[in-house]
Amino acid sequence: IVCSTTGNGDPPENAGRFNRYVKKQSKDKTEPKPFKHLAYAVLALGDTNYDQFCATGILIDQKMKILGGTRARKVVCVDEGT
C-alpha cells in the first residue's frame, strides 16, 4: 500500500474511503478479520515539516494488522522534504 498525506498527516481525497473503512472495521470486534489472508506492506509518504508525519500510512499499517493482515515488512516512512 502506498499512501501519501496531505496537510498535517491527513489522508488524500482518493484514500479517504479506505481510511474510513479500516477505522470502522477495527472498532467492531464481532466482525470477521477481512484481511486474514493478506500479506501487506505500507510505504507512507509525508513531510517532516508537519507534526503528524506520515500519520495516515502509519494508521493504515496498524489497522491492517488489527484486521488480520500479515505484515510483510515494517512500515517505511519517506520524507518529501528531503
Protein backbone atom coordinates (compact mmCIF):
# COMPACT_ATOMS: atom_id res chain seq x y z
CA ILE A 1 0.00 0.00 0.00
CA VAL A 2 1.42 3.37 -0.98
CA CYS A 3 -0.17 6.21 0.95
CA SER A 4 0.63 9.89 0.87
CA THR A 5 -0.62 12.50 3.30
CA THR A 6 -1.96 16.00 2.88
CA GLY A 7 -1.60 18.81 5.34
CA ASN A 8 -0.80 17.57 8.82
CA GLY A 9 -0.94 13.81 8.20
CA ASP A 10 -4.45 13.70 6.72
CA PRO A 11 -5.36 11.13 4.05
CA PRO A 12 -5.59 12.39 0.48
CA GLU A 13 -9.07 12.54 -1.02
CA ASN A 14 -8.65 9.31 -3.01
CA ALA A 15 -7.70 7.37 0.17
CA GLY A 16 -10.43 8.76 2.40
CA ARG A 17 -12.93 5.97 1.79
CA PHE A 18 -10.41 3.20 2.53
CA ASN A 19 -9.14 5.07 5.59
CA ARG A 20 -12.69 5.33 6.98
CA TYR A 21 -13.29 1.63 6.24
CA VAL A 22 -10.27 0.36 8.19
CA LYS A 23 -11.04 2.68 11.10
CA LYS A 24 -14.65 1.48 11.28
CA GLN A 25 -13.86 -2.23 10.84
CA SER A 26 -11.18 -2.24 13.52
CA LYS A 27 -13.67 -0.96 16.12
CA ASP A 28 -16.15 -3.78 15.52
CA LYS A 29 -14.83 -6.83 17.40
CA THR A 30 -17.66 -9.14 16.21
CA GLU A 31 -16.80 -8.85 12.50
CA PRO A 32 -14.52 -11.44 10.88
CA LYS A 33 -10.99 -10.35 10.01
CA PRO A 34 -11.33 -9.12 6.39
CA PHE A 35 -7.58 -9.17 5.71
CA LYS A 36 -6.70 -12.51 7.34
CA HIS A 37 -5.35 -13.92 4.06
CA LEU A 38 -3.44 -10.78 3.06
CA ALA A 39 0.27 -10.08 3.40
CA TYR A 40 0.90 -6.35 3.16
CA ALA A 41 3.50 -3.61 3.41
CA VAL A 42 2.95 0.14 3.68
CA LEU A 43 5.03 2.90 2.11
CA ALA A 44 3.98 6.15 3.77
CA LEU A 45 4.80 9.46 2.10
CA GLY A 46 4.85 12.64 4.15
CA ASP A 47 6.71 15.80 5.12
CA THR A 48 8.67 16.14 8.36
CA ASN A 49 7.78 19.83 8.46
CA TYR A 50 4.39 18.70 9.86
CA ASP A 51 3.77 17.29 13.35
CA GLN A 52 1.82 14.26 12.08
CA PHE A 53 4.50 12.97 9.70
CA CYS A 54 3.10 10.02 7.66
CA ALA A 55 0.17 9.65 10.09
CA THR A 56 -2.21 8.12 7.54
CA GLY A 57 0.26 5.46 6.40
CA ILE A 58 1.12 4.57 10.00
CA LEU A 59 -2.58 4.34 10.90
CA ILE A 60 -3.33 2.10 7.90
CA ASP A 61 -0.42 -0.17 8.83
CA GLN A 62 -1.74 -0.54 12.39
CA LYS A 63 -5.35 -1.13 11.32
CA MET A 64 -4.40 -3.69 8.66
CA LYS A 65 -2.63 -5.71 11.37
CA ILE A 66 -5.68 -5.46 13.69
CA LEU A 67 -7.90 -6.63 10.83
CA GLY A 68 -5.93 -9.83 10.37
CA GLY A 69 -3.32 -8.85 7.81
CA THR A 70 0.19 -10.24 7.95
CA ARG A 71 2.81 -7.51 7.86
CA ALA A 72 5.35 -8.48 5.18
CA ARG A 73 7.58 -5.52 6.03
CA LYS A 74 7.67 -2.83 8.67
CA VAL A 75 6.07 0.44 7.53
CA VAL A 76 8.53 2.70 5.69
CA CYS A 77 8.11 6.48 6.01
CA VAL A 78 9.53 8.70 3.28
CA ASP A 79 10.10 12.44 3.72
CA GLU A 80 9.29 14.51 0.66
CA GLY A 81 11.03 17.47 2.31
CA THR A 82 14.42 15.79 1.93
